[in-house]
């Protein structure tokens, strides 16, 4: 079993593997004056991250016919104590990603992982 100090050292070791930053956006809903709502996305925080494409081939690329296609799903790694929900969205390098799932930590939660697709 790991001690709290060992787990904290493992979390510190993960930090250098998060070389990029992203912005988490949260929706707010306001009345539109005609019985509906308007959704406005606002920045809720900036976080260190690593973004990895997921593919059936395992190499970050998918084949569409005879040409390579953009990956459709990504795993986004964050520090262990960052908070995101499937209701949030992520802006990374000017592109918006919809969150599919926040992957539950099992043992030794040294980072938070998010499944997302580019919108």
N, C-alpha and C. Protein backbone atom coordinates (compact mmCIF):
# COMPACT_ATOMS: atom_id res chain seq x y z
N UNK A 1 0.84 -1.17 0.00
CA UNK A 1 0.00 0.00 0.00
C UNK A 1 0.89 1.24 0.00
N UNK A 2 0.50 2.24 -0.76
CA UNK A 2 1.23 3.50 -0.82
C UNK A 2 0.89 4.37 0.37
N UNK A 3 1.89 5.10 0.82
CA UNK A 3 1.62 6.10 1.85
C UNK A 3 1.13 7.37 1.15
N UNK A 4 0.57 8.29 1.93
CA UNK A 4 0.11 9.57 1.38
C UNK A 4 1.28 10.32 0.75
N UNK A 5 2.44 10.26 1.37
CA UNK A 5 3.62 10.95 0.84
C UNK A 5 4.04 10.36 -0.50
N UNK A 6 4.00 9.04 -0.64
CA UNK A 6 4.37 8.39 -1.90
C UNK A 6 3.38 8.77 -3.00
N UNK A 7 2.10 8.79 -2.67
CA UNK A 7 1.08 9.16 -3.65
C UNK A 7 1.26 10.61 -4.08
N UNK A 8 1.56 11.49 -3.15
CA UNK A 8 1.81 12.90 -3.50
C UNK A 8 3.03 13.04 -4.40
N UNK A 9 4.08 12.26 -4.15
CA UNK A 9 5.26 12.30 -5.03
C UNK A 9 4.90 11.83 -6.44
N UNK A 10 4.06 10.79 -6.54
CA UNK A 10 3.62 10.32 -7.86
C UNK A 10 2.84 11.41 -8.58
N UNK A 11 1.98 12.12 -7.86
CA UNK A 11 1.22 13.22 -8.47
C UNK A 11 2.15 14.32 -8.94
N UNK A 12 3.17 14.63 -8.14
CA UNK A 12 4.14 15.64 -8.55
C UNK A 12 4.90 15.20 -9.80
N UNK A 13 5.17 13.90 -9.91
CA UNK A 13 5.88 13.38 -11.08
C UNK A 13 5.04 13.49 -12.35
N UNK A 14 3.71 13.53 -12.22
CA UNK A 14 2.83 13.64 -13.38
C UNK A 14 2.85 15.06 -13.95
N UNK A 15 3.05 16.05 -13.12
CA UNK A 15 2.97 17.46 -13.54
C UNK A 15 3.80 17.77 -14.80
N UNK A 16 5.06 17.32 -14.91
CA UNK A 16 5.82 17.62 -16.13
C UNK A 16 5.26 16.97 -17.39
N UNK A 17 4.39 15.97 -17.23
CA UNK A 17 3.81 15.31 -18.41
C UNK A 17 2.55 16.01 -18.90
N UNK A 18 2.25 17.18 -18.33
CA UNK A 18 1.10 17.99 -18.75
C UNK A 18 1.65 19.29 -19.34
N UNK A 19 2.16 19.24 -20.58
CA UNK A 19 2.90 20.38 -21.15
C UNK A 19 2.05 21.52 -21.71
N UNK A 20 0.77 21.28 -21.93
CA UNK A 20 -0.08 22.27 -22.57
C UNK A 20 -1.09 22.84 -21.57
N UNK A 21 -1.88 23.80 -22.04
CA UNK A 21 -2.95 24.34 -21.20
C UNK A 21 -4.25 24.34 -22.00
N UNK A 22 -5.34 24.28 -21.27
CA UNK A 22 -6.66 24.35 -21.87
C UNK A 22 -7.54 25.25 -21.02
N UNK A 23 -8.67 25.60 -21.56
CA UNK A 23 -9.65 26.39 -20.83
C UNK A 23 -10.91 25.54 -20.70
N UNK A 24 -11.40 25.42 -19.47
CA UNK A 24 -12.68 24.75 -19.24
C UNK A 24 -13.75 25.81 -19.27
N UNK A 25 -14.81 25.54 -20.02
CA UNK A 25 -15.94 26.47 -20.09
C UNK A 25 -17.17 25.82 -19.48
N UNK A 26 -17.96 26.63 -18.78
CA UNK A 26 -19.22 26.17 -18.18
C UNK A 26 -20.36 26.99 -18.77
N UNK A 27 -21.49 26.33 -18.94
CA UNK A 27 -22.66 26.97 -19.53
C UNK A 27 -23.46 27.69 -18.46
N UNK A 28 -23.96 28.85 -18.84
CA UNK A 28 -24.97 29.53 -18.03
C UNK A 28 -26.16 29.74 -18.95
N UNK A 29 -27.34 29.67 -18.38
CA UNK A 29 -28.56 29.79 -19.18
C UNK A 29 -29.32 31.02 -18.72
N UNK A 30 -29.69 31.84 -19.69
CA UNK A 30 -30.45 33.06 -19.39
C UNK A 30 -31.72 33.07 -20.23
N UNK A 31 -32.75 33.66 -19.68
CA UNK A 31 -34.02 33.76 -20.40
C UNK A 31 -33.82 34.59 -21.67
N UNK A 32 -34.46 34.16 -22.76
CA UNK A 32 -34.33 34.89 -24.01
C UNK A 32 -35.47 35.89 -24.24
N UNK A 33 -36.39 35.99 -23.28
CA UNK A 33 -37.48 36.95 -23.39
C UNK A 33 -38.70 36.44 -24.12
N UNK A 34 -38.61 35.26 -24.72
CA UNK A 34 -39.76 34.71 -25.44
C UNK A 34 -40.08 33.29 -24.97
N UNK A 35 -39.74 33.00 -23.71
CA UNK A 35 -40.06 31.72 -23.12
C UNK A 35 -38.99 30.66 -23.24
N UNK A 36 -37.90 30.97 -23.88
CA UNK A 36 -36.81 30.00 -24.02
C UNK A 36 -35.58 30.44 -23.24
N UNK A 37 -34.48 29.81 -23.55
CA UNK A 37 -33.22 30.14 -22.90
C UNK A 37 -32.11 30.28 -23.91
N UNK A 38 -31.14 31.08 -23.55
CA UNK A 38 -29.92 31.24 -24.34
C UNK A 38 -28.77 30.68 -23.51
N UNK A 39 -27.93 29.89 -24.14
CA UNK A 39 -26.77 29.34 -23.45
C UNK A 39 -25.55 30.20 -23.76
N UNK A 40 -24.86 30.58 -22.69
CA UNK A 40 -23.62 31.34 -22.82
C UNK A 40 -22.52 30.54 -22.14
N UNK A 41 -21.40 30.34 -22.84
CA UNK A 41 -20.27 29.61 -22.29
C UNK A 41 -19.27 30.61 -21.74
N UNK A 42 -18.83 30.39 -20.50
CA UNK A 42 -17.87 31.28 -19.86
C UNK A 42 -16.70 30.46 -19.33
N UNK A 43 -15.52 31.03 -19.38
CA UNK A 43 -14.33 30.35 -18.87
C UNK A 43 -14.48 30.10 -17.37
N UNK A 44 -14.23 28.86 -16.97
CA UNK A 44 -14.31 28.48 -15.55
C UNK A 44 -12.94 28.20 -14.97
N UNK A 45 -11.93 28.13 -15.83
CA UNK A 45 -10.58 27.88 -15.34
C UNK A 45 -9.64 27.47 -16.45
N UNK A 46 -8.37 27.64 -16.18
CA UNK A 46 -7.30 27.22 -17.08
C UNK A 46 -6.55 26.10 -16.38
N UNK A 47 -6.23 25.04 -17.11
CA UNK A 47 -5.61 23.86 -16.51
C UNK A 47 -4.48 23.35 -17.38
N UNK A 48 -3.47 22.80 -16.73
CA UNK A 48 -2.40 22.10 -17.45
C UNK A 48 -2.98 20.80 -17.99
N UNK A 49 -2.51 20.39 -19.17
CA UNK A 49 -3.09 19.19 -19.78
C UNK A 49 -2.13 18.50 -20.74
N UNK A 50 -2.52 17.30 -21.13
CA UNK A 50 -1.93 16.58 -22.25
C UNK A 50 -3.10 15.99 -23.02
N UNK A 51 -3.13 16.18 -24.33
CA UNK A 51 -4.23 15.73 -25.17
C UNK A 51 -3.71 14.64 -26.09
N UNK A 52 -4.38 13.49 -26.06
CA UNK A 52 -3.96 12.35 -26.88
C UNK A 52 -5.12 11.87 -27.74
N UNK A 53 -4.91 11.72 -29.03
CA UNK A 53 -5.96 11.15 -29.88
C UNK A 53 -6.12 9.66 -29.59
N UNK A 54 -7.33 9.18 -29.75
CA UNK A 54 -7.63 7.75 -29.58
C UNK A 54 -8.02 7.22 -30.94
N UNK A 55 -7.52 6.04 -31.28
CA UNK A 55 -7.93 5.42 -32.53
C UNK A 55 -7.90 3.92 -32.40
N UNK A 56 -8.61 3.26 -33.27
CA UNK A 56 -8.64 1.80 -33.27
C UNK A 56 -7.26 1.24 -33.61
N UNK A 57 -6.47 2.00 -34.36
CA UNK A 57 -5.15 1.54 -34.77
C UNK A 57 -4.12 1.75 -33.68
N UNK A 58 -4.45 2.58 -32.69
CA UNK A 58 -3.53 2.81 -31.60
C UNK A 58 -2.41 3.76 -31.93
N UNK A 59 -2.44 4.39 -33.08
CA UNK A 59 -1.37 5.28 -33.48
C UNK A 59 -1.84 6.72 -33.62
N UNK A 60 -3.05 7.02 -33.15
CA UNK A 60 -3.54 8.38 -33.22
C UNK A 60 -4.08 8.78 -34.58
N UNK A 61 -4.33 7.81 -35.43
CA UNK A 61 -4.89 8.13 -36.73
C UNK A 61 -5.85 7.03 -37.16
N UNK A 62 -6.85 7.40 -37.88
CA UNK A 62 -7.83 6.45 -38.38
C UNK A 62 -7.77 6.47 -39.91
N UNK A 63 -8.17 5.41 -40.52
CA UNK A 63 -8.17 5.34 -41.98
C UNK A 63 -9.60 5.49 -42.48
N UNK A 64 -9.81 6.40 -43.40
CA UNK A 64 -11.12 6.60 -44.03
C UNK A 64 -10.91 6.34 -45.51
N UNK A 65 -11.37 5.18 -45.98
CA UNK A 65 -11.08 4.81 -47.37
C UNK A 65 -9.59 4.55 -47.48
N UNK A 66 -8.93 5.27 -48.36
CA UNK A 66 -7.49 5.08 -48.52
C UNK A 66 -6.69 6.26 -47.98
N UNK A 67 -7.34 7.13 -47.24
CA UNK A 67 -6.60 8.28 -46.71
C UNK A 67 -6.74 8.34 -45.19
N UNK A 68 -5.81 9.02 -44.56
CA UNK A 68 -5.87 9.17 -43.13
C UNK A 68 -6.89 10.24 -42.75
N UNK A 69 -7.67 9.97 -41.72
CA UNK A 69 -8.67 10.92 -41.26
C UNK A 69 -8.29 11.44 -39.88
N UNK A 70 -8.86 12.56 -39.52
CA UNK A 70 -8.65 13.12 -38.19
C UNK A 70 -9.21 12.17 -37.15
N UNK A 71 -8.52 12.00 -36.02
CA UNK A 71 -9.11 11.21 -34.95
C UNK A 71 -10.37 11.89 -34.44
N UNK A 72 -11.33 11.10 -34.00
CA UNK A 72 -12.58 11.70 -33.55
C UNK A 72 -12.67 11.78 -32.03
N UNK A 73 -11.93 10.95 -31.33
CA UNK A 73 -12.00 10.94 -29.88
C UNK A 73 -10.62 11.19 -29.29
N UNK A 74 -10.61 11.85 -28.14
CA UNK A 74 -9.36 12.20 -27.47
C UNK A 74 -9.46 11.86 -25.99
N UNK A 75 -8.32 11.55 -25.39
CA UNK A 75 -8.22 11.45 -23.94
C UNK A 75 -7.41 12.65 -23.49
N UNK A 76 -7.97 13.40 -22.57
CA UNK A 76 -7.32 14.61 -22.07
C UNK A 76 -6.93 14.34 -20.62
N UNK A 77 -5.64 14.48 -20.34
CA UNK A 77 -5.11 14.24 -19.00
C UNK A 77 -4.96 15.58 -18.28
N UNK A 78 -5.42 15.62 -17.03
CA UNK A 78 -5.33 16.81 -16.18
C UNK A 78 -4.72 16.40 -14.84
N UNK A 79 -4.34 17.38 -14.04
CA UNK A 79 -3.87 17.09 -12.69
C UNK A 79 -4.96 16.37 -11.91
N UNK A 80 -4.57 15.60 -10.92
CA UNK A 80 -5.52 14.75 -10.19
C UNK A 80 -6.63 15.51 -9.49
N UNK A 81 -6.39 16.76 -9.12
CA UNK A 81 -7.38 17.50 -8.34
C UNK A 81 -8.19 18.50 -9.15
N UNK A 82 -8.10 18.43 -10.47
CA UNK A 82 -8.90 19.32 -11.31
C UNK A 82 -10.33 18.81 -11.40
N UNK A 83 -11.27 19.73 -11.51
CA UNK A 83 -12.68 19.37 -11.57
C UNK A 83 -13.28 19.77 -12.91
N UNK A 84 -13.77 18.77 -13.64
CA UNK A 84 -14.52 18.99 -14.87
C UNK A 84 -15.70 18.03 -14.84
N UNK A 85 -16.75 18.37 -15.57
CA UNK A 85 -17.94 17.51 -15.63
C UNK A 85 -18.32 17.32 -17.10
N UNK A 86 -19.14 16.33 -17.39
CA UNK A 86 -19.61 16.14 -18.76
C UNK A 86 -20.43 17.33 -19.27
N UNK A 87 -20.90 18.18 -18.38
CA UNK A 87 -21.65 19.37 -18.81
C UNK A 87 -20.73 20.51 -19.25
N UNK A 88 -19.44 20.41 -18.94
CA UNK A 88 -18.48 21.43 -19.35
C UNK A 88 -18.04 21.17 -20.79
N UNK A 89 -17.25 22.08 -21.30
CA UNK A 89 -16.56 21.83 -22.56
C UNK A 89 -15.16 22.40 -22.43
N UNK A 90 -14.30 22.00 -23.35
CA UNK A 90 -12.88 22.35 -23.28
C UNK A 90 -12.48 23.09 -24.55
N UNK A 91 -11.70 24.14 -24.37
CA UNK A 91 -11.09 24.83 -25.49
C UNK A 91 -9.59 24.58 -25.40
N UNK A 92 -9.05 23.96 -26.44
CA UNK A 92 -7.64 23.59 -26.48
C UNK A 92 -7.08 23.99 -27.84
N UNK A 93 -6.06 24.81 -27.81
CA UNK A 93 -5.42 25.31 -29.03
C UNK A 93 -6.43 25.86 -30.02
N UNK A 94 -7.40 26.61 -29.50
CA UNK A 94 -8.39 27.27 -30.33
C UNK A 94 -9.53 26.40 -30.82
N UNK A 95 -9.53 25.12 -30.45
CA UNK A 95 -10.59 24.21 -30.86
C UNK A 95 -11.43 23.82 -29.64
N UNK A 96 -12.72 23.58 -29.89
CA UNK A 96 -13.64 23.24 -28.81
C UNK A 96 -13.87 21.73 -28.80
N UNK A 97 -13.86 21.16 -27.59
CA UNK A 97 -14.08 19.73 -27.39
C UNK A 97 -15.26 19.54 -26.44
N UNK A 98 -16.16 18.66 -26.83
CA UNK A 98 -17.29 18.29 -25.97
C UNK A 98 -16.85 17.10 -25.12
N UNK A 99 -17.13 17.15 -23.83
CA UNK A 99 -16.73 16.09 -22.92
C UNK A 99 -17.75 14.96 -22.99
N UNK A 100 -17.25 13.76 -23.25
CA UNK A 100 -18.09 12.57 -23.28
C UNK A 100 -18.20 11.96 -21.89
N UNK A 101 -17.07 11.97 -21.16
CA UNK A 101 -17.02 11.27 -19.88
C UNK A 101 -15.79 11.73 -19.11
N UNK A 102 -15.94 11.81 -17.81
CA UNK A 102 -14.79 11.99 -16.93
C UNK A 102 -14.54 10.60 -16.36
N UNK A 103 -13.39 10.03 -16.70
CA UNK A 103 -13.09 8.65 -16.33
C UNK A 103 -12.82 8.58 -14.84
N UNK A 104 -13.58 7.72 -14.17
CA UNK A 104 -13.43 7.57 -12.71
C UNK A 104 -12.06 7.03 -12.37
N UNK A 105 -11.48 7.60 -11.32
CA UNK A 105 -10.21 7.10 -10.81
C UNK A 105 -10.43 5.74 -10.16
N UNK A 106 -9.51 4.87 -10.33
CA UNK A 106 -9.60 3.56 -9.70
C UNK A 106 -8.71 3.56 -8.45
N UNK A 107 -7.46 3.28 -8.63
CA UNK A 107 -6.50 3.28 -7.53
C UNK A 107 -5.46 4.35 -7.81
N UNK A 108 -4.93 4.92 -6.79
CA UNK A 108 -3.83 5.87 -6.92
C UNK A 108 -4.13 6.94 -7.95
N UNK A 109 -5.13 7.75 -7.71
CA UNK A 109 -5.53 8.77 -8.67
C UNK A 109 -4.44 9.85 -8.78
N UNK A 110 -3.55 9.64 -9.76
CA UNK A 110 -2.46 10.59 -9.96
C UNK A 110 -2.79 11.64 -11.01
N UNK A 111 -3.86 11.42 -11.75
CA UNK A 111 -4.34 12.42 -12.70
C UNK A 111 -5.81 12.18 -12.99
N UNK A 112 -6.45 13.17 -13.59
CA UNK A 112 -7.84 13.07 -14.02
C UNK A 112 -7.83 12.86 -15.53
N UNK A 113 -8.64 11.94 -16.02
CA UNK A 113 -8.72 11.69 -17.46
C UNK A 113 -10.13 11.97 -17.95
N UNK A 114 -10.19 12.59 -19.13
CA UNK A 114 -11.45 12.99 -19.73
C UNK A 114 -11.49 12.45 -21.16
N UNK A 115 -12.61 11.83 -21.54
CA UNK A 115 -12.84 11.45 -22.94
C UNK A 115 -13.60 12.60 -23.59
N UNK A 116 -13.15 13.01 -24.77
CA UNK A 116 -13.79 14.15 -25.43
C UNK A 116 -13.72 13.98 -26.95
N UNK A 117 -14.62 14.71 -27.62
CA UNK A 117 -14.61 14.77 -29.08
C UNK A 117 -14.55 16.24 -29.50
N UNK A 118 -13.87 16.45 -30.61
CA UNK A 118 -13.80 17.80 -31.17
C UNK A 118 -15.16 18.17 -31.73
N UNK A 119 -15.66 19.39 -31.41
CA UNK A 119 -16.97 19.79 -31.92
C UNK A 119 -16.85 20.45 -33.27
